[in-house]
Structures are given as structure tokens and as C-alpha cells.
Amino acid sequence: MTLPSYLVIGGAGFIGSHIVERLVERAEVTVIDDLSSGRRALLDAAIATGRCELVIGSVLDAELVRRSLRGKTAVFHLSANPEARLGLENSSLDVEQGTLATHAVLDAMRRAGVKALVLASSGTVYGNTSKPCREADLGALPISLYGASKLASEALVSAYVECFGFMAWIFRLGNVIGPEQRTEPRSTF
């Protein structure tokens, strides 16, 4: 029996490594991560199964992503700046690691003919609101560069669904906590 094969971008991070752990139970997985915030150690168990390969590199490297897409059924895109406050110190960070990275993934998928995507977005797209948000709400105006980047990434995914026949699932994650989470701050801001 041939197993499905998935590409997980940002799979060595906190959330990504938990997804990879589940996927290797039933599929082959290739992870692309630059290890800027992710950790190889979080993938050790998945790699030990023989069903997970870690490719260290940037999602902005079009050739790397193209090669990694060969034979894949779908892409899980989780890479992003993991700490919104860092965008205040470097205002290009979220555009590069969020919006531009998402465009790079989508365009590589289009060229490779892989048309199924799962995108990890964020509740930060709702901005500063006092009213309850529903799944169908597109979001308010974000109040952080991180939130703006996530909303822009969602818009890019929506356009690829309409223009190129992609299927996509977008999950707006809130505060996610659990085992293996980083506890030391990455910024003193």
C-alpha cells in the first residue's frame, strides 16, 4: 500500500512538530524548516519512524520548495514569525516570514500541481474587538503586523482557490500551549 505524502513547512516548531507526529502514523512527511525558531529535537521521534525527512532551508528558496513538493498530496503551511512583538523591532519580518513566504508556497504548489493546502493562521486577524467572532467573520482590521500578515496570507490562499482550483483549509489558532513549547522569551521588548 502506498502511503500519502505531505509537505509540512515550519514543521520543527511547536505546533508543526505535533502535526508531524500525527501525520507519520499514516503518511510519509517531508518537513522544511530553517530552524530559526523550530528545533530538530522536536522531530526526533518522527524521523526515527523512517517516514519523516527534515530539509533545513528557507521557504523562500523556490527550488528547495519545488523539489520538496515532488509526489506530495498536500501542504501544511505553519511557518511564520513565532513572536508578534519581534515585528515591532523589524517591521519587514512579518511581511517576509508571513505574506511573502505564503506566496512562495502557493506559487511553488501551483507550478508543481499540488492543490491542497492547510494554512495555520491566527486569531490576531480579528484585531481589537469586544464582540464575539464567528468563523465566517473575515476579521476586523488587525492591530499588529503579524495579524496583518496572517490576514494577507489568508487573502492570497483565497485567491489561489478561486484562480487555480486549489482546496484550502485555514485554521485561525488562538493561544496554543502544551508540551514542548518554548518557555524562554525570544525578545526583551
N, C-alpha and C. Protein backbone atom coordinates (compact mmCIF):
# COMPACT_ATOMS: atom_id res chain seq x y z
N MET A 1 0.84 -1.18 0.00
CA MET A 1 0.00 0.00 0.00
C MET A 1 0.89 1.24 0.00
N THR A 2 0.59 2.17 -0.88
CA THR A 2 1.34 3.41 -0.95
C THR A 2 0.74 4.42 0.02
N LEU A 3 1.59 4.99 0.83
CA LEU A 3 1.14 5.98 1.80
C LEU A 3 1.03 7.35 1.15
N PRO A 4 0.09 8.18 1.64
CA PRO A 4 0.09 9.57 1.18
C PRO A 4 1.37 10.25 1.62
N SER A 5 1.70 11.34 0.97
CA SER A 5 2.93 12.05 1.27
C SER A 5 2.64 13.54 1.41
N TYR A 6 3.07 14.13 2.51
CA TYR A 6 2.77 15.53 2.81
C TYR A 6 4.05 16.34 2.99
N LEU A 7 3.94 17.63 2.69
CA LEU A 7 5.00 18.58 2.97
C LEU A 7 4.51 19.47 4.12
N VAL A 8 5.32 19.57 5.16
CA VAL A 8 4.98 20.42 6.30
C VAL A 8 6.03 21.51 6.40
N ILE A 9 5.60 22.73 6.15
CA ILE A 9 6.52 23.87 6.18
C ILE A 9 6.43 24.50 7.56
N GLY A 10 7.56 24.59 8.24
CA GLY A 10 7.56 25.04 9.62
C GLY A 10 7.26 23.89 10.58
N GLY A 11 7.59 22.70 10.17
CA GLY A 11 7.25 21.50 10.94
C GLY A 11 8.12 21.23 12.14
N ALA A 12 9.20 21.99 12.35
CA ALA A 12 10.05 21.77 13.53
C ALA A 12 9.68 22.73 14.65
N GLY A 13 8.61 23.47 14.47
CA GLY A 13 8.13 24.37 15.52
C GLY A 13 7.20 23.65 16.47
N PHE A 14 6.70 24.39 17.43
CA PHE A 14 5.84 23.82 18.47
C PHE A 14 4.59 23.16 17.88
N ILE A 15 3.81 23.88 17.12
CA ILE A 15 2.58 23.32 16.55
C ILE A 15 2.91 22.34 15.44
N GLY A 16 3.82 22.71 14.55
CA GLY A 16 4.17 21.86 13.42
C GLY A 16 4.66 20.49 13.81
N SER A 17 5.49 20.43 14.85
CA SER A 17 6.04 19.12 15.26
C SER A 17 4.94 18.19 15.78
N HIS A 18 3.91 18.75 16.40
CA HIS A 18 2.79 17.92 16.86
C HIS A 18 1.99 17.40 15.67
N ILE A 19 1.84 18.22 14.63
CA ILE A 19 1.15 17.76 13.42
C ILE A 19 1.97 16.66 12.75
N VAL A 20 3.26 16.87 12.62
CA VAL A 20 4.14 15.87 12.00
C VAL A 20 4.05 14.55 12.77
N GLU A 21 4.06 14.63 14.08
CA GLU A 21 3.97 13.42 14.91
C GLU A 21 2.73 12.60 14.56
N ARG A 22 1.62 13.27 14.32
CA ARG A 22 0.39 12.55 13.94
C ARG A 22 0.42 12.07 12.50
N LEU A 23 0.94 12.88 11.60
CA LEU A 23 0.96 12.51 10.19
C LEU A 23 1.80 11.27 9.93
N VAL A 24 2.95 11.14 10.61
CA VAL A 24 3.81 9.97 10.34
C VAL A 24 3.17 8.66 10.75
N GLU A 25 2.09 8.72 11.51
CA GLU A 25 1.37 7.49 11.85
C GLU A 25 0.70 6.88 10.62
N ARG A 26 0.46 7.73 9.59
CA ARG A 26 -0.28 7.25 8.43
C ARG A 26 0.23 7.76 7.09
N ALA A 27 1.38 8.45 7.10
CA ALA A 27 1.85 9.05 5.85
C ALA A 27 3.36 9.25 5.88
N GLU A 28 3.91 9.53 4.71
CA GLU A 28 5.29 9.98 4.57
C GLU A 28 5.27 11.50 4.71
N VAL A 29 6.25 12.08 5.37
CA VAL A 29 6.27 13.52 5.62
C VAL A 29 7.65 14.09 5.32
N THR A 30 7.66 15.19 4.59
CA THR A 30 8.86 15.99 4.42
C THR A 30 8.63 17.30 5.13
N VAL A 31 9.57 17.70 5.96
CA VAL A 31 9.49 18.95 6.71
C VAL A 31 10.53 19.92 6.16
N ILE A 32 10.10 21.14 5.85
CA ILE A 32 11.04 22.22 5.55
C ILE A 32 11.00 23.18 6.72
N ASP A 33 12.16 23.45 7.28
CA ASP A 33 12.25 24.41 8.39
C ASP A 33 13.65 24.99 8.39
N ASP A 34 13.75 26.29 8.65
CA ASP A 34 15.08 26.91 8.71
C ASP A 34 15.66 26.86 10.13
N LEU A 35 14.93 26.30 11.05
CA LEU A 35 15.32 26.14 12.45
C LEU A 35 15.64 27.47 13.14
N SER A 36 15.08 28.56 12.63
CA SER A 36 15.27 29.85 13.29
C SER A 36 14.51 29.91 14.61
N SER A 37 13.39 29.22 14.68
CA SER A 37 12.68 29.11 15.96
C SER A 37 12.30 27.67 16.25
N GLY A 38 12.23 26.84 15.22
CA GLY A 38 11.96 25.42 15.43
C GLY A 38 13.20 24.69 15.92
N ARG A 39 13.00 23.46 16.35
CA ARG A 39 14.12 22.67 16.88
C ARG A 39 14.07 21.26 16.30
N ARG A 40 15.20 20.82 15.82
CA ARG A 40 15.28 19.48 15.25
C ARG A 40 14.85 18.43 16.27
N ALA A 41 15.19 18.64 17.51
CA ALA A 41 14.88 17.66 18.57
C ALA A 41 13.38 17.36 18.64
N LEU A 42 12.54 18.33 18.27
CA LEU A 42 11.09 18.10 18.30
C LEU A 42 10.65 17.09 17.24
N LEU A 43 11.51 16.83 16.26
CA LEU A 43 11.18 15.88 15.19
C LEU A 43 11.88 14.54 15.34
N ASP A 44 12.70 14.37 16.37
CA ASP A 44 13.50 13.14 16.51
C ASP A 44 12.64 11.88 16.45
N ALA A 45 11.52 11.85 17.15
CA ALA A 45 10.67 10.65 17.16
C ALA A 45 10.07 10.40 15.78
N ALA A 46 9.64 11.46 15.10
CA ALA A 46 9.07 11.31 13.76
C ALA A 46 10.12 10.82 12.77
N ILE A 47 11.32 11.37 12.85
CA ILE A 47 12.41 10.95 11.96
C ILE A 47 12.77 9.49 12.22
N ALA A 48 12.73 9.08 13.47
CA ALA A 48 13.07 7.70 13.84
C ALA A 48 12.11 6.68 13.23
N THR A 49 10.91 7.09 12.86
CA THR A 49 9.95 6.16 12.24
C THR A 49 10.36 5.80 10.81
N GLY A 50 11.26 6.59 10.22
CA GLY A 50 11.64 6.37 8.83
C GLY A 50 10.66 6.99 7.85
N ARG A 51 9.64 7.65 8.35
CA ARG A 51 8.63 8.27 7.48
C ARG A 51 8.73 9.79 7.44
N CYS A 52 9.75 10.35 8.06
CA CYS A 52 9.89 11.79 8.12
C CYS A 52 11.29 12.20 7.71
N GLU A 53 11.36 13.15 6.80
CA GLU A 53 12.63 13.72 6.37
C GLU A 53 12.61 15.21 6.71
N LEU A 54 13.69 15.69 7.32
CA LEU A 54 13.84 17.10 7.62
C LEU A 54 14.76 17.72 6.59
N VAL A 55 14.26 18.76 5.92
CA VAL A 55 15.05 19.54 4.97
C VAL A 55 15.26 20.90 5.61
N ILE A 56 16.50 21.23 5.91
CA ILE A 56 16.78 22.50 6.56
C ILE A 56 17.01 23.55 5.48
N GLY A 57 16.17 24.57 5.50
CA GLY A 57 16.28 25.62 4.50
C GLY A 57 15.11 26.58 4.58
N SER A 58 15.14 27.58 3.73
CA SER A 58 14.14 28.64 3.74
C SER A 58 12.98 28.33 2.80
N VAL A 59 11.80 28.64 3.25
CA VAL A 59 10.61 28.50 2.42
C VAL A 59 10.67 29.48 1.25
N LEU A 60 11.50 30.50 1.34
CA LEU A 60 11.66 31.46 0.25
C LEU A 60 12.61 30.94 -0.84
N ASP A 61 13.21 29.77 -0.64
CA ASP A 61 14.07 29.14 -1.63
C ASP A 61 13.16 28.33 -2.58
N ALA A 62 12.79 28.93 -3.70
CA ALA A 62 11.82 28.33 -4.62
C ALA A 62 12.23 26.94 -5.10
N GLU A 63 13.51 26.75 -5.40
CA GLU A 63 13.98 25.45 -5.89
C GLU A 63 13.87 24.38 -4.80
N LEU A 64 14.20 24.75 -3.57
CA LEU A 64 14.09 23.81 -2.45
C LEU A 64 12.64 23.38 -2.25
N VAL A 65 11.73 24.33 -2.27
CA VAL A 65 10.31 24.01 -2.09
C VAL A 65 9.82 23.17 -3.27
N ARG A 66 10.20 23.54 -4.49
CA ARG A 66 9.79 22.78 -5.67
C ARG A 66 10.22 21.32 -5.57
N ARG A 67 11.49 21.09 -5.22
CA ARG A 67 11.98 19.71 -5.07
C ARG A 67 11.22 18.96 -3.98
N SER A 68 10.94 19.65 -2.90
CA SER A 68 10.27 19.01 -1.76
C SER A 68 8.81 18.69 -2.04
N LEU A 69 8.22 19.31 -3.05
CA LEU A 69 6.82 19.07 -3.40
C LEU A 69 6.61 17.83 -4.26
N ARG A 70 7.68 17.26 -4.80
CA ARG A 70 7.53 16.09 -5.68
C ARG A 70 6.78 14.97 -4.97
N GLY A 71 5.69 14.54 -5.60
CA GLY A 71 4.92 13.41 -5.09
C GLY A 71 4.04 13.71 -3.89
N LYS A 72 3.90 14.95 -3.53
CA LYS A 72 3.13 15.30 -2.34
C LYS A 72 1.64 15.40 -2.65
N THR A 73 0.83 15.03 -1.67
CA THR A 73 -0.62 15.10 -1.76
C THR A 73 -1.13 16.46 -1.32
N ALA A 74 -0.50 17.02 -0.29
CA ALA A 74 -0.96 18.29 0.28
C ALA A 74 0.19 18.94 1.04
N VAL A 75 -0.02 20.22 1.36
CA VAL A 75 0.96 21.01 2.10
C VAL A 75 0.31 21.55 3.36
N PHE A 76 1.03 21.44 4.46
CA PHE A 76 0.65 22.08 5.72
C PHE A 76 1.63 23.24 5.89
N HIS A 77 1.11 24.46 5.88
CA HIS A 77 1.97 25.65 5.95
C HIS A 77 1.81 26.29 7.33
N LEU A 78 2.88 26.15 8.14
CA LEU A 78 2.85 26.66 9.51
C LEU A 78 3.96 27.66 9.78
N SER A 79 4.84 27.91 8.82
CA SER A 79 5.96 28.79 9.13
C SER A 79 5.50 30.23 9.24
N ALA A 80 6.08 30.93 10.19
CA ALA A 80 5.78 32.35 10.43
C ALA A 80 6.70 32.84 11.53
N ASN A 81 6.72 34.12 11.70
CA ASN A 81 7.40 34.72 12.85
C ASN A 81 6.65 34.23 14.10
N PRO A 82 7.31 33.55 15.02
CA PRO A 82 6.60 32.97 16.16
C PRO A 82 6.28 33.96 17.28
N GLU A 83 6.78 35.17 17.18
CA GLU A 83 6.53 36.13 18.26
C GLU A 83 6.19 37.50 17.67
N ALA A 84 4.93 37.87 17.77
CA ALA A 84 4.43 39.09 17.13
C ALA A 84 5.21 40.33 17.54
N ARG A 85 5.70 40.39 18.75
CA ARG A 85 6.43 41.58 19.22
C ARG A 85 7.70 41.84 18.42
N LEU A 86 8.30 40.79 17.84
CA LEU A 86 9.52 40.98 17.06
C LEU A 86 9.28 41.84 15.82
N GLY A 87 8.05 41.85 15.33
CA GLY A 87 7.71 42.67 14.18
C GLY A 87 7.81 44.15 14.46
N LEU A 88 7.74 44.51 15.72
CA LEU A 88 7.89 45.92 16.08
C LEU A 88 9.35 46.35 16.02
N GLU A 89 10.24 45.41 16.22
CA GLU A 89 11.67 45.69 16.14
C GLU A 89 12.17 45.65 14.70
N ASN A 90 11.56 44.79 13.89
CA ASN A 90 11.92 44.65 12.48
C ASN A 90 10.61 44.59 11.70
N SER A 91 10.17 45.72 11.17
CA SER A 91 8.85 45.81 10.55
C SER A 91 8.73 45.02 9.24
N SER A 92 9.82 44.51 8.70
CA SER A 92 9.77 43.67 7.50
C SER A 92 9.58 42.19 7.83
N LEU A 93 9.78 41.83 9.07
CA LEU A 93 9.80 40.43 9.47
C LEU A 93 8.52 39.68 9.11
N ASP A 94 7.37 40.22 9.47
CA ASP A 94 6.12 39.50 9.22
C ASP A 94 5.75 39.48 7.74
N VAL A 95 6.09 40.52 7.02
CA VAL A 95 5.85 40.52 5.57
C VAL A 95 6.69 39.41 4.94
N GLU A 96 7.95 39.30 5.32
CA GLU A 96 8.83 38.29 4.73
C GLU A 96 8.46 36.88 5.17
N GLN A 97 8.35 36.68 6.50
CA GLN A 97 8.12 35.33 7.02
C GLN A 97 6.67 34.89 6.96
N GLY A 98 5.77 35.83 6.70
CA GLY A 98 4.35 35.50 6.60
C GLY A 98 3.84 35.62 5.18
N THR A 99 3.62 36.85 4.75
CA THR A 99 2.99 37.08 3.45
C THR A 99 3.84 36.57 2.28
N LEU A 100 5.10 36.97 2.21
CA LEU A 100 5.95 36.53 1.10
C LEU A 100 6.19 35.02 1.14
N ALA A 101 6.34 34.47 2.33
CA ALA A 101 6.53 33.03 2.44
C ALA A 101 5.28 32.28 1.96
N THR A 102 4.11 32.79 2.32
CA THR A 102 2.87 32.15 1.86
C THR A 102 2.76 32.22 0.35
N HIS A 103 3.08 33.37 -0.23
CA HIS A 103 3.04 33.47 -1.69
C HIS A 103 4.03 32.48 -2.32
N ALA A 104 5.21 32.37 -1.76
CA ALA A 104 6.21 31.43 -2.30
C ALA A 104 5.69 30.00 -2.26
N VAL A 105 5.05 29.62 -1.17
CA VAL A 105 4.49 28.27 -1.05
C VAL A 105 3.40 28.05 -2.10
N LEU A 106 2.47 29.00 -2.18
CA LEU A 106 1.36 28.87 -3.12
C LEU A 106 1.85 28.78 -4.57
N ASP A 107 2.80 29.62 -4.92
CA ASP A 107 3.28 29.61 -6.29
C ASP A 107 4.03 28.32 -6.61
N ALA A 108 4.82 27.83 -5.66
CA ALA A 108 5.51 26.55 -5.87
C ALA A 108 4.49 25.41 -6.01
N MET A 109 3.44 25.46 -5.21
CA MET A 109 2.39 24.44 -5.32
C MET A 109 1.72 24.49 -6.69
N ARG A 110 1.41 25.69 -7.15
CA ARG A 110 0.78 25.86 -8.46
C ARG A 110 1.65 25.26 -9.55
N ARG A 111 2.93 25.57 -9.51
CA ARG A 111 3.85 25.07 -10.53
C ARG A 111 4.01 23.55 -10.46
N ALA A 112 3.91 22.99 -9.25
CA ALA A 112 4.08 21.54 -9.07
C ALA A 112 2.79 20.75 -9.24
N GLY A 113 1.66 21.46 -9.32
CA GLY A 113 0.38 20.78 -9.47
C GLY A 113 -0.17 20.21 -8.18
N VAL A 114 0.33 20.66 -7.04
CA VAL A 114 -0.20 20.24 -5.74
C VAL A 114 -1.22 21.29 -5.34
N LYS A 115 -2.48 20.86 -5.13
CA LYS A 115 -3.54 21.85 -4.97
C LYS A 115 -4.30 21.76 -3.65
N ALA A 116 -3.72 21.13 -2.65
CA ALA A 116 -4.38 21.05 -1.34
C ALA A 116 -3.47 21.67 -0.28
N LEU A 117 -4.02 22.62 0.47
CA LEU A 117 -3.24 23.36 1.46
C LEU A 117 -3.99 23.49 2.76
N VAL A 118 -3.26 23.31 3.85
CA VAL A 118 -3.75 23.63 5.19
C VAL A 118 -2.88 24.77 5.69
N LEU A 119 -3.51 25.91 6.02
CA LEU A 119 -2.78 27.09 6.47
C LEU A 119 -3.08 27.36 7.94
N ALA A 120 -2.03 27.50 8.72
CA ALA A 120 -2.20 27.93 10.11
C ALA A 120 -2.21 29.45 10.12
N SER A 121 -3.35 30.01 10.45
CA SER A 121 -3.48 31.46 10.58
C SER A 121 -3.58 31.78 12.07
N SER A 122 -4.20 32.89 12.39
CA SER A 122 -4.20 33.32 13.78
C SER A 122 -5.46 34.13 14.11
N GLY A 123 -5.88 34.05 15.34
CA GLY A 123 -6.98 34.88 15.81
C GLY A 123 -6.63 36.36 15.81
N THR A 124 -5.36 36.69 15.61
CA THR A 124 -4.97 38.10 15.58
C THR A 124 -5.56 38.83 14.38
N VAL A 125 -6.09 38.11 13.40
CA VAL A 125 -6.71 38.78 12.25
C VAL A 125 -7.96 39.55 12.67
N TYR A 126 -8.53 39.22 13.83
CA TYR A 126 -9.75 39.88 14.29
C TYR A 126 -9.47 41.26 14.89
N GLY A 127 -8.21 41.58 15.12
CA GLY A 127 -7.90 42.89 15.67
C GLY A 127 -8.36 43.03 17.11
N ASN A 128 -8.61 44.25 17.49
CA ASN A 128 -9.02 44.56 18.85
C ASN A 128 -10.53 44.73 18.85
N THR A 129 -11.24 43.66 19.15
CA THR A 129 -12.69 43.70 19.11
C THR A 129 -13.26 43.24 20.44
N SER A 130 -14.38 43.81 20.81
CA SER A 130 -15.02 43.42 22.06
C SER A 130 -16.19 42.49 21.82
N LYS A 131 -16.56 42.28 20.56
CA LYS A 131 -17.69 41.40 20.26
C LYS A 131 -17.19 40.01 19.88
N PRO A 132 -18.01 39.00 20.11
CA PRO A 132 -17.62 37.63 19.75
C PRO A 132 -17.40 37.52 18.24
N CYS A 133 -16.45 36.70 17.85
CA CYS A 133 -16.15 36.49 16.43
C CYS A 133 -16.67 35.12 16.02
N ARG A 134 -17.18 35.04 14.83
CA ARG A 134 -17.65 33.78 14.27
C ARG A 134 -16.69 33.35 13.17
N GLU A 135 -16.73 32.04 12.85
CA GLU A 135 -15.83 31.52 11.82
C GLU A 135 -15.99 32.25 10.49
N ALA A 136 -17.21 32.66 10.17
CA ALA A 136 -17.46 33.31 8.89
C ALA A 136 -16.97 34.76 8.86
N ASP A 137 -16.64 35.32 10.01
CA ASP A 137 -16.13 36.69 10.03
C ASP A 137 -14.79 36.74 9.33
N LEU A 138 -14.63 37.67 8.44
CA LEU A 138 -13.36 37.81 7.75
C LEU A 138 -12.29 38.40 8.65
N GLY A 139 -12.70 39.11 9.65
CA GLY A 139 -11.75 39.75 10.55
C GLY A 139 -11.95 41.24 10.54
N ALA A 140 -11.50 41.87 11.58
CA ALA A 140 -11.51 43.32 11.66
C ALA A 140 -10.19 43.79 11.07
N LEU A 141 -9.82 44.99 11.33
CA LEU A 141 -8.51 45.42 10.91
C LEU A 141 -7.52 45.02 11.98
N PRO A 142 -6.52 44.21 11.64
CA PRO A 142 -5.54 43.76 12.64
C PRO A 142 -4.81 44.94 13.26
N ILE A 143 -4.35 44.74 14.50
CA ILE A 143 -3.63 45.80 15.21
C ILE A 143 -2.15 45.46 15.34
N SER A 144 -1.70 44.41 14.68
CA SER A 144 -0.27 44.05 14.70
C SER A 144 0.16 43.73 13.29
N LEU A 145 1.45 43.85 13.03
CA LEU A 145 2.00 43.48 11.73
C LEU A 145 1.85 41.98 11.50
N TYR A 146 1.96 41.21 12.57
CA TYR A 146 1.76 39.76 12.49
C TYR A 146 0.33 39.45 12.02
N GLY A 147 -0.66 40.08 12.65
CA GLY A 147 -2.05 39.87 12.28
C GLY A 147 -2.33 40.30 10.84
N ALA A 148 -1.75 41.42 10.43
CA ALA A 148 -1.92 41.89 9.06
C ALA A 148 -1.33 40.89 8.07
N SER A 149 -0.19 40.33 8.41
CA SER A 149 0.44 39.34 7.55
C SER A 149 -0.41 38.08 7.45
N LYS A 150 -0.97 37.65 8.55
CA LYS A 150 -1.83 36.46 8.53
C LYS A 150 -3.07 36.71 7.68
N LEU A 151 -3.70 37.89 7.82
CA LEU A 151 -4.88 38.21 7.03
C LEU A 151 -4.52 38.28 5.54
N ALA A 152 -3.37 38.87 5.22
CA ALA A 152 -2.92 38.92 3.83
C ALA A 152 -2.66 37.52 3.29
N SER A 153 -2.11 36.64 4.11
CA SER A 153 -1.87 35.26 3.69
C SER A 153 -3.18 34.54 3.41
N GLU A 154 -4.17 34.77 4.26
CA GLU A 154 -5.49 34.18 4.02
C GLU A 154 -6.07 34.66 2.70
N ALA A 155 -5.90 35.95 2.40
CA ALA A 155 -6.41 36.51 1.15
C ALA A 155 -5.70 35.88 -0.05
N LEU A 156 -4.39 35.67 0.05
CA LEU A 156 -3.67 35.00 -1.03
C LEU A 156 -4.18 33.58 -1.25
N VAL A 157 -4.41 32.86 -0.16
CA VAL A 157 -4.94 31.50 -0.27
C VAL A 157 -6.30 31.52 -0.96
N SER A 158 -7.16 32.43 -0.55
CA SER A 158 -8.49 32.55 -1.15
C SER A 158 -8.38 32.80 -2.65
N ALA A 159 -7.47 33.67 -3.05
CA ALA A 159 -7.29 33.97 -4.47
C ALA A 159 -6.80 32.74 -5.24
N TYR A 160 -5.90 31.96 -4.66
CA TYR A 160 -5.41 30.75 -5.34
C TYR A 160 -6.51 29.70 -5.44
N VAL A 161 -7.39 29.64 -4.46
CA VAL A 161 -8.53 28.73 -4.54
C VAL A 161 -9.39 29.11 -5.75
N GLU A 162 -9.69 30.38 -5.87
CA GLU A 162 -10.55 30.84 -6.97
C GLU A 162 -9.85 30.81 -8.33
N CYS A 163 -8.60 31.24 -8.38
CA CYS A 163 -7.90 31.36 -9.66
C CYS A 163 -7.33 30.06 -10.19
N PHE A 164 -6.91 29.16 -9.29
CA PHE A 164 -6.18 27.97 -9.74
C PHE A 164 -6.80 26.66 -9.27
N GLY A 165 -8.00 26.71 -8.69
CA GLY A 165 -8.69 25.48 -8.31
C GLY A 165 -8.09 24.76 -7.11
N PHE A 166 -7.41 25.49 -6.24
CA PHE A 166 -6.88 24.88 -5.02
C PHE A 166 -8.03 24.52 -4.07
N MET A 167 -7.74 23.61 -3.16
CA MET A 167 -8.59 23.35 -1.99
C MET A 167 -7.77 23.81 -0.79
N ALA A 168 -8.40 24.51 0.14
CA ALA A 168 -7.64 25.01 1.28
C ALA A 168 -8.48 25.00 2.54
N TRP A 169 -7.80 24.77 3.63
CA TRP A 169 -8.39 24.85 4.94
C TRP A 169 -7.54 25.81 5.75
N ILE A 170 -8.18 26.82 6.31
CA ILE A 170 -7.47 27.83 7.09
C ILE A 170 -7.95 27.72 8.53
N PHE A 171 -6.99 27.58 9.43
CA PHE A 171 -7.30 27.49 10.85
C PHE A 171 -6.75 28.72 11.55
N ARG A 172 -7.64 29.48 12.17
CA ARG A 172 -7.25 30.66 12.94
C ARG A 172 -7.02 30.24 14.39
N LEU A 173 -5.78 29.95 14.68
CA LEU A 173 -5.44 29.44 16.01
C LEU A 173 -5.35 30.58 17.01
N GLY A 174 -5.79 30.30 18.22
CA GLY A 174 -5.68 31.26 19.31
C GLY A 174 -4.37 31.03 20.04
N ASN A 175 -4.36 31.23 21.31
CA ASN A 175 -3.17 30.94 22.11
C ASN A 175 -3.05 29.44 22.29
N VAL A 176 -2.02 28.87 21.72
CA VAL A 176 -1.82 27.43 21.76
C VAL A 176 -0.69 27.15 22.75
N ILE A 177 -0.98 26.28 23.71
CA ILE A 177 0.02 25.92 24.71
C ILE A 177 0.06 24.41 24.86
N GLY A 178 1.17 23.91 25.39
CA GLY A 178 1.27 22.48 25.62
C GLY A 178 2.71 22.02 25.73
N PRO A 179 2.89 20.68 25.75
CA PRO A 179 4.23 20.11 25.88
C PRO A 179 5.15 20.55 24.74
N GLU A 180 6.41 20.69 25.03
CA GLU A 180 7.45 21.06 24.08
C GLU A 180 7.43 22.54 23.71
N GLN A 181 6.56 23.33 24.33
CA GLN A 181 6.50 24.75 24.00
C GLN A 181 7.72 25.46 24.55
N ARG A 182 8.22 26.43 23.78
CA ARG A 182 9.32 27.26 24.25
C ARG A 182 8.86 28.04 25.47
N THR A 183 9.71 28.11 26.47
CA THR A 183 9.34 28.88 27.66
C THR A 183 10.19 30.12 27.80
N GLU A 184 11.36 30.15 27.19
CA GLU A 184 12.20 31.34 27.31
C GLU A 184 11.74 32.37 26.29
N PRO A 185 11.75 33.63 26.67
CA PRO A 185 11.33 34.67 25.73
C PRO A 185 12.37 34.82 24.62
N ARG A 186 11.90 35.16 23.42
CA ARG A 186 12.78 35.37 22.28
C ARG A 186 13.07 36.86 22.10
N SER A 187 12.45 37.68 22.91
CA SER A 187 12.63 39.12 22.77
C SER A 187 12.55 39.75 24.14
N THR A 188 13.23 40.87 24.29
CA THR A 188 13.15 41.58 25.56
C THR A 188 12.26 42.80 25.44
N PHE A 189 11.57 42.93 24.32
CA PHE A 189 10.72 44.07 24.05
C PHE A 189 9.58 44.17 25.04
